[in-house]
């Protein structure tokens, strides 16, 4: 088995971990691996929508953009008002 120098160091350190700490180490390693897989799955899911509005007429898309900008402005305005009243 051809192992990179860094992986060899990690494996060496794992060999030194006391038996009573292996479960915690396993959970940590599993968390790293699964979070990477989840990130990749989420990216692929988002990318499945790429280009889905290509056939939308320009005037509808422009209206959508204007509506989105207005809603964001209203939302941020409410946040500022709320934060000012709380402070």
C-alpha atoms as a PDB file:
ATOM      1  CA  UNK A   1       0.000   0.000   0.000  1.00  0.00           C
ATOM      2  CA  UNK A   2       1.485   3.335  -1.108  1.00  0.00           C
ATOM      3  CA  UNK A   3       0.761   5.916   1.614  1.00  0.00           C
ATOM      4  CA  UNK A   4       1.568   9.625   1.498  1.00  0.00           C
ATOM      5  CA  UNK A   5       3.947  10.926   4.166  1.00  0.00           C
ATOM      6  CA  UNK A   6       1.159  12.884   5.855  1.00  0.00           C
ATOM      7  CA  UNK A   7      -1.188   9.906   5.918  1.00  0.00           C
ATOM      8  CA  UNK A   8       1.649   7.804   7.369  1.00  0.00           C
ATOM      9  CA  UNK A   9       2.076  10.366  10.170  1.00  0.00           C
ATOM     10  CA  UNK A  10      -1.660  10.347  10.879  1.00  0.00           C
ATOM     11  CA  UNK A  11      -1.759   6.542  10.977  1.00  0.00           C
ATOM     12  CA  UNK A  12       1.257   6.500  13.288  1.00  0.00           C
ATOM     13  CA  UNK A  13      -0.490   8.892  15.678  1.00  0.00           C
ATOM     14  CA  UNK A  14      -3.683   6.817  15.552  1.00  0.00           C
ATOM     15  CA  UNK A  15      -1.645   3.788  16.638  1.00  0.00           C
ATOM     16  CA  UNK A  16      -0.563   5.762  19.720  1.00  0.00           C
ATOM     17  CA  UNK A  17      -4.068   6.786  20.810  1.00  0.00           C
ATOM     18  CA  UNK A  18      -5.121   5.006  24.020  1.00  0.00           C
ATOM     19  CA  UNK A  19      -7.849   2.398  23.576  1.00  0.00           C
ATOM     20  CA  UNK A  20     -10.319   4.346  25.727  1.00  0.00           C
ATOM     21  CA  UNK A  21     -10.050   7.364  23.347  1.00  0.00           C
ATOM     22  CA  UNK A  22     -10.500   5.484  20.061  1.00  0.00           C
ATOM     23  CA  UNK A  23     -14.273   5.898  19.976  1.00  0.00           C
ATOM     24  CA  UNK A  24     -13.961   9.694  20.203  1.00  0.00           C
ATOM     25  CA  UNK A  25     -11.292   9.665  17.494  1.00  0.00           C
ATOM     26  CA  UNK A  26     -13.451   7.454  15.286  1.00  0.00           C
ATOM     27  CA  UNK A  27     -16.396   9.863  15.697  1.00  0.00           C
ATOM     28  CA  UNK A  28     -14.183  12.807  14.741  1.00  0.00           C
ATOM     29  CA  UNK A  29     -12.809  11.078  11.647  1.00  0.00           C
ATOM     30  CA  UNK A  30     -16.281   9.960  10.614  1.00  0.00           C
ATOM     31  CA  UNK A  31     -17.572  13.523  11.040  1.00  0.00           C
ATOM     32  CA  UNK A  32     -14.833  14.875   8.735  1.00  0.00           C
ATOM     33  CA  UNK A  33     -15.518  12.289   6.069  1.00  0.00           C
ATOM     34  CA  UNK A  34     -19.299  12.606   6.142  1.00  0.00           C
ATOM     35  CA  UNK A  35     -19.268  16.413   6.157  1.00  0.00           C
ATOM     36  CA  UNK A  36     -17.092  16.362   3.021  1.00  0.00           C
ATOM     37  CA  UNK A  37     -19.477  13.930   1.328  1.00  0.00           C
ATOM     38  CA  UNK A  38     -22.474  16.035   2.381  1.00  0.00           C
ATOM     39  CA  UNK A  39     -20.861  19.190   1.009  1.00  0.00           C
ATOM     40  CA  UNK A  40     -20.247  17.474  -2.318  1.00  0.00           C
ATOM     41  CA  UNK A  41     -23.835  16.165  -2.419  1.00  0.00           C
ATOM     42  CA  UNK A  42     -25.223  19.635  -1.653  1.00  0.00           C
ATOM     43  CA  UNK A  43     -23.084  21.215  -4.368  1.00  0.00           C
ATOM     44  CA  UNK A  44     -24.297  18.660  -6.897  1.00  0.00           C
ATOM     45  CA  UNK A  45     -27.889  19.268  -5.821  1.00  0.00           C
ATOM     46  CA  UNK A  46     -27.560  23.024  -6.268  1.00  0.00           C
ATOM     47  CA  UNK A  47     -25.829  22.619  -9.612  1.00  0.00           C
ATOM     48  CA  UNK A  48     -28.763  20.565 -10.896  1.00  0.00           C
ATOM     49  CA  UNK A  49     -30.654  23.889 -11.123  1.00  0.00           C
ATOM     50  CA  UNK A  50     -27.998  25.531 -13.288  1.00  0.00           C
ATOM     51  CA  UNK A  51     -29.533  26.895 -16.460  1.00  0.00           C
ATOM     52  CA  UNK A  52     -33.107  26.085 -15.464  1.00  0.00           C
ATOM     53  CA  UNK A  53     -34.203  29.661 -16.268  1.00  0.00           C
ATOM     54  CA  UNK A  54     -32.550  29.831 -19.681  1.00  0.00           C
ATOM     55  CA  UNK A  55     -35.891  29.744 -21.484  1.00  0.00           C
ATOM     56  CA  UNK A  56     -37.510  32.378 -19.236  1.00  0.00           C
ATOM     57  CA  UNK A  57     -38.367  35.538 -21.227  1.00  0.00           C
ATOM     58  CA  UNK A  58     -36.129  38.513 -20.378  1.00  0.00           C
ATOM     59  CA  UNK A  59     -39.004  40.677 -19.133  1.00  0.00           C
ATOM     60  CA  UNK A  60     -40.123  37.956 -16.685  1.00  0.00           C
ATOM     61  CA  UNK A  61     -36.565  37.465 -15.460  1.00  0.00           C
ATOM     62  CA  UNK A  62     -36.082  41.227 -15.058  1.00  0.00           C
ATOM     63  CA  UNK A  63     -39.332  41.389 -13.068  1.00  0.00           C
ATOM     64  CA  UNK A  64     -38.119  38.546 -10.886  1.00  0.00           C
ATOM     65  CA  UNK A  65     -34.844  40.357 -10.206  1.00  0.00           C
ATOM     66  CA  UNK A  66     -36.654  43.597  -9.329  1.00  0.00           C
ATOM     67  CA  UNK A  67     -39.047  41.773  -7.005  1.00  0.00           C
ATOM     68  CA  UNK A  68     -36.147  39.983  -5.314  1.00  0.00           C
ATOM     69  CA  UNK A  69     -34.265  43.255  -4.807  1.00  0.00           C
ATOM     70  CA  UNK A  70     -37.354  44.905  -3.270  1.00  0.00           C
ATOM     71  CA  UNK A  71     -37.967  41.967  -0.923  1.00  0.00           C
ATOM     72  CA  UNK A  72     -34.354  41.966   0.219  1.00  0.00           C
ATOM     73  CA  UNK A  73     -34.432  45.706   0.813  1.00  0.00           C
ATOM     74  CA  UNK A  74     -37.621  45.341   2.885  1.00  0.00           C
ATOM     75  CA  UNK A  75     -36.180  42.438   4.872  1.00  0.00           C
ATOM     76  CA  UNK A  76     -32.949  44.289   5.669  1.00  0.00           C
ATOM     77  CA  UNK A  77     -34.888  47.438   6.497  1.00  0.00           C
ATOM     78  CA  UNK A  78     -36.984  45.502   9.035  1.00  0.00           C
ATOM     79  CA  UNK A  79     -33.813  43.996  10.531  1.00  0.00           C
ATOM     80  CA  UNK A  80     -32.226  47.433  10.937  1.00  0.00           C
ATOM     81  CA  UNK A  81     -35.406  48.813  12.506  1.00  0.00           C
ATOM     82  CA  UNK A  82     -35.650  45.832  14.839  1.00  0.00           C
ATOM     83  CA  UNK A  83     -31.969  46.073  15.825  1.00  0.00           C
ATOM     84  CA  UNK A  84     -32.286  49.826  16.448  1.00  0.00           C
ATOM     85  CA  UNK A  85     -35.353  49.364  18.647  1.00  0.00           C
ATOM     86  CA  UNK A  86     -33.661  46.615  20.664  1.00  0.00           C
ATOM     87  CA  UNK A  87     -30.413  48.544  21.174  1.00  0.00           C
END
